[in-house]
Protein backbone atom coordinates (compact mmCIF):
# COMPACT_ATOMS: atom_id res chain seq x y z
CA MET A 1 -16.18 37.88 -5.28
CA ILE A 2 -17.02 36.15 -2.03
CA ALA A 3 -19.43 38.05 0.17
CA ASP A 4 -17.71 40.47 2.56
CA SER A 5 -18.01 40.38 6.31
CA ALA A 6 -18.13 43.54 8.31
CA ALA A 7 -15.18 45.66 7.14
CA GLY A 8 -12.04 44.68 8.99
CA GLY A 9 -14.10 42.99 11.71
CA ALA A 10 -14.12 39.49 13.09
CA ASP A 11 -17.76 38.39 12.99
CA PRO A 12 -18.37 36.15 16.05
CA ALA A 13 -20.63 33.89 13.99
CA ILE A 14 -17.82 33.29 11.49
CA LEU A 15 -15.34 32.58 14.29
CA ALA A 16 -17.75 30.06 15.75
CA GLU A 17 -18.10 28.46 12.32
CA ILE A 18 -14.32 28.11 11.99
CA THR A 19 -14.00 26.52 15.43
CA ALA A 20 -16.87 24.12 14.76
CA GLY A 21 -15.34 23.16 11.44
CA LEU A 22 -11.99 22.35 12.99
CA ALA A 23 -13.65 20.29 15.72
CA ALA A 24 -16.10 18.40 13.51
CA GLY A 25 -14.00 17.20 10.57
CA GLN A 26 -12.52 13.71 10.83
CA GLU A 27 -11.27 13.15 7.30
CA LEU A 28 -8.48 15.49 6.23
CA ARG A 29 -10.23 16.91 3.18
CA GLU A 30 -13.49 17.38 5.11
CA LEU A 31 -11.58 19.15 7.87
CA LEU A 32 -9.95 21.54 5.42
CA GLU A 33 -13.17 22.26 3.54
CA ARG A 34 -14.93 23.12 6.80
CA PHE A 35 -12.08 25.41 7.76
CA LEU A 36 -11.39 27.28 4.53
CA GLU A 37 -14.72 28.81 3.49
CA PRO A 38 -15.42 30.83 6.67
CA VAL A 39 -11.79 32.00 6.81
CA VAL A 40 -12.09 33.34 3.26
CA ARG A 41 -15.26 35.19 4.25
CA LEU A 42 -13.69 36.51 7.41
CA ALA A 43 -10.72 37.98 5.56
CA GLN A 44 -12.87 39.31 2.67
CA ALA A 45 -10.66 37.32 0.30
CA GLN A 46 -11.37 36.31 -3.27
CA GLY A 47 -10.30 32.74 -2.71
CA GLY A 48 -8.14 30.48 -0.62
CA ALA A 49 -6.08 27.31 -0.62
CA VAL A 50 -4.51 24.92 1.85
CA ARG A 51 -1.17 23.28 1.07
CA MET A 52 0.29 20.37 3.00
CA LEU A 53 4.05 20.02 3.29
CA SER A 54 5.22 16.60 2.12
CA LEU A 55 6.84 14.27 4.66
CA ALA A 56 10.22 14.74 2.98
CA GLY A 57 9.71 18.52 3.02
CA GLU A 58 10.46 19.05 -0.66
CA GLY A 59 7.10 20.39 -1.77
CA PHE A 60 3.56 21.57 -1.05
CA GLU A 61 0.52 19.61 -2.17
CA LEU A 62 -2.71 21.51 -2.76
CA VAL A 63 -5.29 19.62 -0.71
CA SER A 64 -8.19 22.08 -0.60
CA SER A 65 -9.16 25.31 -2.35
CA ILE A 66 -12.04 27.69 -2.86
CA GLY A 67 -12.50 30.41 -5.48
CA LEU A 68 -9.81 29.02 -7.84
CA ALA A 69 -10.52 28.10 -11.45
CA PRO A 70 -9.92 24.41 -12.36
CA ASP A 71 -6.90 25.25 -14.55
CA VAL A 72 -5.32 27.23 -11.70
CA GLU A 73 -5.96 24.36 -9.26
CA LYS A 74 -4.27 21.97 -11.68
CA GLN A 75 -1.17 24.13 -12.07
CA GLU A 76 -0.97 24.73 -8.32
CA HIS A 77 -1.39 21.06 -7.36
CA TRP A 78 2.29 20.69 -6.47
CA VAL A 79 4.87 23.43 -5.91
CA SER A 80 8.32 23.52 -4.38
CA SER A 81 8.44 24.14 -0.65
CA HIS A 82 10.87 27.02 -1.29
CA CYS A 83 8.77 28.70 -3.98
CA GLY A 84 7.94 32.39 -3.57
CA PHE A 85 6.16 33.81 -0.56
CA CYS A 86 4.77 30.36 0.44
CA GLY A 87 8.35 29.14 0.79
CA VAL A 88 9.25 32.17 2.91
CA ALA A 89 6.24 31.56 5.17
CA SER A 90 7.27 27.93 5.61
CA ASP A 91 11.01 28.45 5.98
CA GLU A 92 10.69 31.36 8.42
CA ALA A 93 7.45 30.18 10.12
CA ARG A 94 5.79 33.58 9.74
CA THR A 95 2.85 35.13 7.94
CA VAL A 96 3.83 36.70 4.62
CA TRP A 97 1.85 39.26 2.57
CA SER A 98 2.93 39.71 -1.05
CA THR A 99 1.83 41.75 -4.06
CA ASP A 100 4.65 40.39 -6.21
CA LEU A 101 2.99 37.36 -7.74
CA SER A 102 5.24 37.04 -10.78
CA ALA A 103 6.60 33.65 -9.70
CA CYS A 104 3.04 32.32 -9.28
CA ALA A 105 2.06 33.75 -12.69
CA ARG A 106 5.03 32.10 -14.41
CA ARG A 107 4.26 28.74 -12.81
CA SER A 108 0.53 28.84 -13.51
CA ARG A 109 0.87 30.29 -17.02
CA GLY A 110 -2.57 31.87 -16.64
CA ALA A 111 -4.36 35.16 -16.12
CA PHE A 112 -5.20 34.71 -12.42
CA PHE A 113 -2.08 35.83 -10.55
CA GLY A 114 -1.27 39.50 -11.10
CA ARG A 115 -4.62 40.19 -12.79
CA GLU A 116 -7.65 38.77 -10.98
CA CYS A 117 -5.48 38.23 -7.91
CA ARG A 118 -3.34 41.25 -6.97
CA GLY A 119 -2.24 40.23 -3.50
CA ALA A 120 -1.86 37.02 -1.51
CA LEU A 121 -1.26 35.95 2.06
CA ALA A 122 0.62 32.82 3.21
CA VAL A 123 0.04 31.67 6.79
CA PRO A 124 2.12 28.76 8.15
CA LEU A 125 0.33 25.79 9.70
CA GLN A 126 2.53 24.71 12.56
CA HIS A 127 2.45 22.80 15.80
CA ARG A 128 5.21 22.72 18.41
CA GLY A 129 7.57 24.56 16.10
CA ARG A 130 7.03 22.19 13.18
CA VAL A 131 5.55 23.61 9.98
CA LEU A 132 3.02 21.19 8.45
CA GLY A 133 1.96 23.37 5.54
CA VAL A 134 0.58 26.80 4.67
CA TYR A 135 -2.77 28.26 3.82
CA ASN A 136 -3.20 31.05 1.27
CA LEU A 137 -5.75 33.80 0.89
CA PHE A 138 -6.02 35.55 -2.47
CA PHE A 139 -7.22 39.17 -2.83
CA ASP A 140 -8.22 41.38 -5.73
CA ALA A 141 -7.19 45.02 -6.04
CA GLY A 142 -7.97 47.19 -3.03
CA HIS A 143 -8.36 44.37 -0.51
CA GLN A 144 -5.99 43.02 2.10
CA PRO A 145 -6.48 41.78 5.67
CA GLY A 146 -6.94 44.55 8.19
CA PRO A 147 -4.77 44.80 11.32
CA ALA A 148 -7.57 43.36 13.48
CA VAL A 149 -7.93 40.25 11.32
CA ALA A 150 -4.28 39.38 10.63
CA PRO A 151 -3.43 38.08 14.16
CA LEU A 152 -6.59 36.01 14.14
CA LEU A 153 -5.61 34.39 10.85
CA ARG A 154 -2.29 33.34 12.39
CA SER A 155 -4.10 31.89 15.41
CA VAL A 156 -6.38 29.93 13.10
CA GLY A 157 -3.26 28.59 11.35
CA ASP A 158 -1.87 27.38 14.67
CA LEU A 159 -5.20 25.74 15.53
CA LEU A 160 -5.34 24.00 12.18
CA GLY A 161 -1.72 22.90 12.62
CA LEU A 162 -2.71 21.26 15.91
CA ALA A 163 -5.61 19.47 14.22
CA LEU A 164 -3.42 18.27 11.33
CA ASP A 165 -0.74 17.04 13.73
CA HIS A 166 -3.40 15.05 15.57
CA LEU A 167 -4.64 13.52 12.32
CA ARG A 168 -1.09 12.59 11.31
CA LEU A 169 -0.52 10.90 14.66
CA GLU A 170 -3.76 8.94 14.22
CA ALA A 171 -2.71 7.93 10.71
CA GLU A 172 0.70 6.77 11.97
CA HIS A 173 -0.92 4.80 14.78
CA MET A 174 -3.24 3.15 12.28
CA ARG A 175 -0.30 2.32 10.02
CA VAL A 176 1.61 0.69 12.88
CA THR A 177 -1.49 -1.24 13.99
CA VAL A 178 -2.16 -2.55 10.48
CA THR A 179 1.51 -3.55 10.10
CA GLN A 180 1.48 -5.46 13.37
CA GLU A 181 -1.76 -7.21 12.46
CA ARG A 182 -0.33 -8.21 9.09
CA GLN A 183 2.73 -9.62 10.81
CA ARG A 184 0.55 -11.61 13.20
CA MET A 185 -1.54 -12.99 10.37
CA ALA A 186 1.58 -13.82 8.34
CA GLY A 187 2.97 -15.75 11.29
CA GLU A 188 -0.24 -17.71 11.73
CA VAL A 189 -0.50 -18.51 8.02
CA HIS A 190 3.12 -19.63 8.05
CA ASP A 191 2.52 -21.95 10.99
CA ALA A 192 -0.63 -23.33 9.43
CA LEU A 193 0.84 -24.07 6.00
CA ALA A 194 4.64 -24.18 5.97
CA GLN A 195 5.12 -27.57 7.64
CA ASN A 196 2.27 -29.18 5.77
CA LEU A 197 3.52 -27.94 2.40
CA ALA A 198 7.06 -29.07 3.22
CA PHE A 199 5.74 -32.53 4.08
CA VAL A 200 3.76 -32.68 0.83
CA LYS A 201 6.86 -31.61 -1.10
CA LEU A 202 8.81 -34.49 0.42
CA ARG A 203 6.07 -37.04 -0.22
CA LEU A 204 5.32 -36.19 -3.86
CA PRO A 205 8.61 -37.58 -5.26
CA LEU A 206 8.05 -40.78 -3.25
CA LEU A 207 4.52 -41.01 -4.61
CA ARG A 208 5.77 -40.57 -8.16
CA ASP A 209 8.48 -43.22 -7.72
CA ALA A 210 5.95 -45.66 -6.25
CA ILE A 211 3.62 -45.13 -9.20
CA GLU A 212 6.40 -45.54 -11.77
CA THR A 213 7.68 -48.74 -10.11
CA HIS A 214 4.11 -50.06 -9.65
CA HIS A 215 4.43 -50.30 -5.86
CA ASP A 216 0.71 -49.79 -5.47
CA GLN A 217 0.57 -50.24 -1.69
CA ASP A 218 3.25 -47.57 -1.11
CA ALA A 219 1.60 -45.28 -3.66
CA LEU A 220 -1.74 -45.51 -1.88
CA ARG A 221 -0.07 -44.86 1.48
CA TYR A 222 1.75 -41.77 0.17
CA LEU A 223 -1.44 -40.58 -1.51
CA ASP A 224 -3.36 -40.90 1.77
CA GLU A 225 -0.65 -38.97 3.62
CA VAL A 226 -0.67 -36.17 1.03
CA ARG A 227 -4.47 -36.02 1.08
CA ASP A 228 -4.61 -35.85 4.89
CA THR A 229 -1.88 -33.21 5.07
CA VAL A 230 -3.57 -31.01 2.46
CA GLY A 231 -6.81 -31.41 4.39
CA ASP A 232 -5.07 -30.29 7.59
CA ALA A 233 -3.63 -27.26 5.81
CA HIS A 234 -7.02 -26.35 4.41
CA SER A 235 -8.66 -26.68 7.83
CA SER A 236 -5.96 -24.56 9.48
CA LEU A 237 -6.31 -21.85 6.87
CA ARG A 238 -10.08 -21.78 7.31
CA GLU A 239 -9.59 -21.44 11.06
CA ILE A 240 -7.29 -18.46 10.61
CA ILE A 241 -9.80 -16.76 8.32
CA THR A 242 -12.53 -17.48 10.88
CA HIS A 243 -10.39 -15.93 13.64
CA PHE A 244 -10.04 -12.64 11.83
CA ARG A 245 -13.70 -12.57 10.91
CA THR A 246 -14.74 -13.38 14.47
CA ARG A 247 -12.61 -10.63 15.95
CA GLY A 248 -15.44 -8.12 15.85
CA GLU A 249 -18.21 -10.59 16.70
CA ALA A 250 -21.14 -9.05 18.55
CA GLY A 251 -21.27 -10.03 22.21
CA GLY A 252 -17.54 -9.81 22.81
CA LEU A 253 -15.26 -12.56 24.05
CA ASN A 254 -17.93 -14.74 25.68
CA ALA A 255 -19.99 -14.96 22.49
CA ALA A 256 -16.86 -15.67 20.46
CA LEU A 257 -15.82 -18.52 22.78
CA GLU A 258 -19.32 -20.03 22.63
CA SER A 259 -19.25 -19.94 18.85
CA LEU A 260 -15.72 -21.40 18.77
CA ALA A 261 -16.67 -24.26 21.10
CA ALA A 262 -19.78 -25.10 19.07
CA ARG A 263 -17.88 -25.16 15.78
CA PHE A 264 -15.04 -27.20 17.27
CA GLY A 265 -17.29 -30.06 18.35
CA VAL A 266 -19.12 -30.23 15.04
CA ARG A 267 -15.95 -30.08 12.96
CA THR A 268 -13.71 -32.46 14.90
CA GLY A 269 -16.08 -34.89 16.57
CA ILE A 270 -14.28 -34.26 19.87
CA ALA A 271 -16.78 -33.62 22.67
CA LEU A 272 -15.90 -30.15 24.00
CA GLN A 273 -17.62 -28.80 27.11
CA LEU A 274 -17.65 -25.04 27.73
CA ILE A 275 -17.90 -24.05 31.41
CA ASN A 276 -18.05 -20.27 31.84
CA ARG A 277 -18.24 -18.98 35.42
CA MET A 278 -17.44 -15.39 34.38
CA PRO A 279 -20.16 -14.43 31.85
CA GLN A 280 -19.51 -10.73 32.55
CA LEU A 281 -15.81 -10.91 31.65
CA ARG A 282 -14.95 -7.86 29.56
CA MET A 283 -11.69 -6.54 28.12
CA ASN A 284 -10.75 -4.12 25.39
CA SER A 285 -11.11 -5.40 21.83
CA GLU A 286 -7.36 -5.95 21.28
CA ALA A 287 -7.04 -7.98 24.48
CA GLU A 288 -10.16 -10.04 23.71
CA ALA A 289 -8.78 -10.82 20.25
CA ASP A 290 -5.50 -12.06 21.73
CA VAL A 291 -7.34 -14.24 24.27
CA TYR A 292 -9.51 -15.68 21.51
CA TYR A 293 -6.49 -16.55 19.37
CA ILE A 294 -4.74 -18.24 22.30
CA VAL A 295 -7.80 -20.40 23.00
CA GLN A 296 -8.18 -21.21 19.33
CA GLU A 297 -4.53 -22.23 18.98
CA ALA A 298 -4.81 -24.44 22.08
CA LEU A 299 -7.89 -26.13 20.61
CA ALA A 300 -6.13 -26.52 17.27
CA ASN A 301 -3.39 -28.44 19.09
CA VAL A 302 -6.05 -30.64 20.67
CA GLU A 303 -7.54 -31.30 17.25
CA HIS A 304 -4.34 -31.99 15.34
CA HIS A 305 -1.97 -33.50 17.90
CA ALA A 306 -3.65 -34.67 21.12
CA ARG A 307 -5.69 -37.58 19.72
CA ALA A 308 -8.27 -36.73 22.38
CA ARG A 309 -11.88 -37.87 22.77
CA HIS A 310 -12.98 -35.13 25.16
CA GLY A 311 -12.06 -31.53 25.84
CA TRP A 312 -13.00 -28.84 28.35
CA LEU A 313 -12.89 -25.06 27.99
CA ARG A 314 -13.25 -23.35 31.38
CA VAL A 315 -13.47 -19.64 32.23
CA GLU A 316 -13.22 -19.14 35.99
CA PRO A 317 -12.30 -16.48 38.57
CA ALA A 318 -8.72 -16.59 39.85
CA PRO A 319 -6.89 -14.71 42.63
CA ALA A 320 -4.99 -12.69 40.01
CA GLY A 321 -8.07 -12.02 37.89
CA ALA A 322 -9.45 -14.65 35.53
CA GLU A 323 -8.26 -18.07 34.44
CA ILE A 324 -9.02 -19.77 31.14
CA ARG A 325 -8.19 -23.48 30.90
CA ILE A 326 -8.20 -25.71 27.86
CA GLU A 327 -8.02 -29.39 28.83
CA ASP A 328 -8.09 -32.65 26.91
CA ASP A 329 -7.80 -36.39 27.64
CA GLY A 330 -5.31 -37.04 24.87
CA VAL A 331 -1.71 -38.24 24.66
CA GLY A 332 -0.19 -35.54 26.85
CA VAL A 333 2.02 -32.47 26.66
CA ALA A 334 4.37 -33.76 23.95
CA GLY A 335 1.47 -34.34 21.59
CA ALA A 336 -0.38 -31.16 22.45
CA SER A 337 2.64 -28.95 21.80
CA GLY A 338 2.83 -30.15 18.23
CA SER A 339 5.55 -31.58 16.08
CA PRO A 340 9.11 -30.20 16.04
CA GLY A 341 9.26 -26.86 14.23
CA HIS A 342 5.65 -26.00 15.04
CA HIS A 343 5.45 -22.49 16.47
CA GLY A 344 1.89 -22.52 17.80
CA VAL A 345 2.93 -22.53 21.46
CA GLU A 346 5.45 -19.75 20.83
CA ILE A 347 2.72 -17.61 19.27
CA MET A 348 0.48 -18.30 22.27
CA ARG A 349 3.26 -17.20 24.64
CA GLU A 350 3.88 -14.02 22.64
CA ARG A 351 0.20 -13.10 22.84
CA ALA A 352 0.09 -13.88 26.57
CA GLN A 353 3.11 -11.65 27.13
CA ARG A 354 1.40 -8.86 25.22
CA LEU A 355 -1.59 -9.27 27.55
CA GLY A 356 0.55 -9.25 30.67
CA ALA A 357 -0.88 -12.72 31.34
CA GLU A 358 0.66 -16.01 32.49
CA LEU A 359 0.51 -19.02 30.18
CA THR A 360 1.42 -22.55 31.28
CA LEU A 361 1.25 -25.93 29.55
CA ASP A 362 1.12 -28.96 31.86
CA ALA A 363 0.11 -32.59 32.05
CA ARG A 364 -3.49 -33.13 33.12
CA ARG A 365 -4.26 -35.39 36.05
CA GLY A 366 -5.78 -38.53 34.61
CA GLY A 367 -4.06 -38.06 31.25
CA GLY A 368 -3.94 -35.40 28.61
CA THR A 369 -2.92 -31.77 28.69
CA VAL A 370 -4.10 -28.58 30.36
CA VAL A 371 -3.29 -25.09 29.06
CA ARG A 372 -3.77 -22.32 31.64
CA LEU A 373 -4.06 -18.64 30.80
CA VAL A 374 -4.24 -16.36 33.86
CA LEU A 375 -5.42 -12.85 32.98
CA PRO A 376 -4.84 -9.75 35.14
CA VAL A 377 -8.40 -8.39 35.16
CA ALA A 378 -10.27 -6.85 38.09
CA ASN A 379 -13.90 -7.69 38.91
CA GLY A 380 -14.42 -9.39 35.60
CA GLU A 381 -13.51 -6.29 33.63
CA GLY A 382 -10.35 -4.70 32.42
CA GLY A 383 -7.91 -4.25 29.60
CA ALA A 384 -5.54 -7.08 30.42
CA ALA A 385 -2.76 -4.65 29.80
C-alpha cells in the first residue's frame, strides 16, 4: 500500500511535485514516471498506470505504471480502446469510476483485479477535445478518491494531455526534418554518383572490346577515363560526407568556410583566396548549413568543370544584407555549370530559395565565372528566412 496523504486532501507539496514533474520531463517515459507517483500518493491509490491511445485509435498501450506486478503489466501492455471503463472514459471524454472489474480480471487472468484491486478510476488525457490516452488509479477495498480530489485529478489529466500533445508535435516536427534532410542528402548523392556511374557503365563494354581485340591504345584510354571518373565519384562522395559532418562545426559558418577553403586548396591544387569582410556574420544553424552547401557546390563546379588556376571566396556586406561570391579564372559559365544532366546548380537555387536569398551565375570580367549569393540578413546577423 502506497503511503497515504492527508485524508481526502490535496497536499500542496504533492501538487507542486506533480507540476514540476510535468514541466521537467523531456522524454515521454520520464515525463510519465515523474507524473504518476505523486498522483498515486495524492489519491491514496494502490497503484496507477498511464495508457497512450495509438495513432489509429484502435488500442491503448501501457507506457508507465506503478504498484502493478510484472505479470499484470505484461497482460495490460495492450488493450482495446473500447475495453471496459477505460474505453468509456476515452469514448465519452469523462472520468469513470468502476467497481466492476470483471473484464479486467478476464483479460489479465490473474488475482489482481477484483481481489487486491476492488475499484479503479480512468481519467482521459485530452487536449483541445482530442483524447490522447487515459490514466488509471487502482484502489483496494474501502478507498476511492474523495470529492475534493476528483476534480483535481481531471485537471491533472488535462495538463498531461497538453504536455503529451506538445511532445507529439515535437516528434512530428523531428520526423519531417529528418525526412527532408534525407531527401537533400539523397539528391546530393545522386548528383555526385549517377552521371559518373552511367559514364563508367558505358565505357566498360568499350574497354572489354578493346582488350579482346588487342587495341591496346584504346584500352588504355578507356581505362584512364574509367579511373578518372571513379576518382571523381569518390571525391564527390567524400565531399558530401564532409558537408554533413561539418554542419555542426564549432565556430559557425565563418569557421566552416575557412576549413572548406583550406581543404579545397590542398585537395585540388587550385589557389583559393578567402576574403571575409563580415567575420561576425551569424544565422540560424539551418540557414548556415544551406549557405555552406551552396558554397561547397560552387567550389565543386570550379574543381570539376572550370579548369581554373585561381579562385576567390568573398564574404562582403551588401545593401540587402550580405553577399557571398565564388569566383574563378576558368573556362566560363558553360564549364562552371557542369555537363548536361548535372543538377548542382538546380540544388543551389533550391537552397537559395529556401533561404529567401538571390543566386546568380555570371561570366567574370577577365574570364571565368562568378557565383553571387545575396543573403537577407541585418547587421551581420539573422535567420536568412
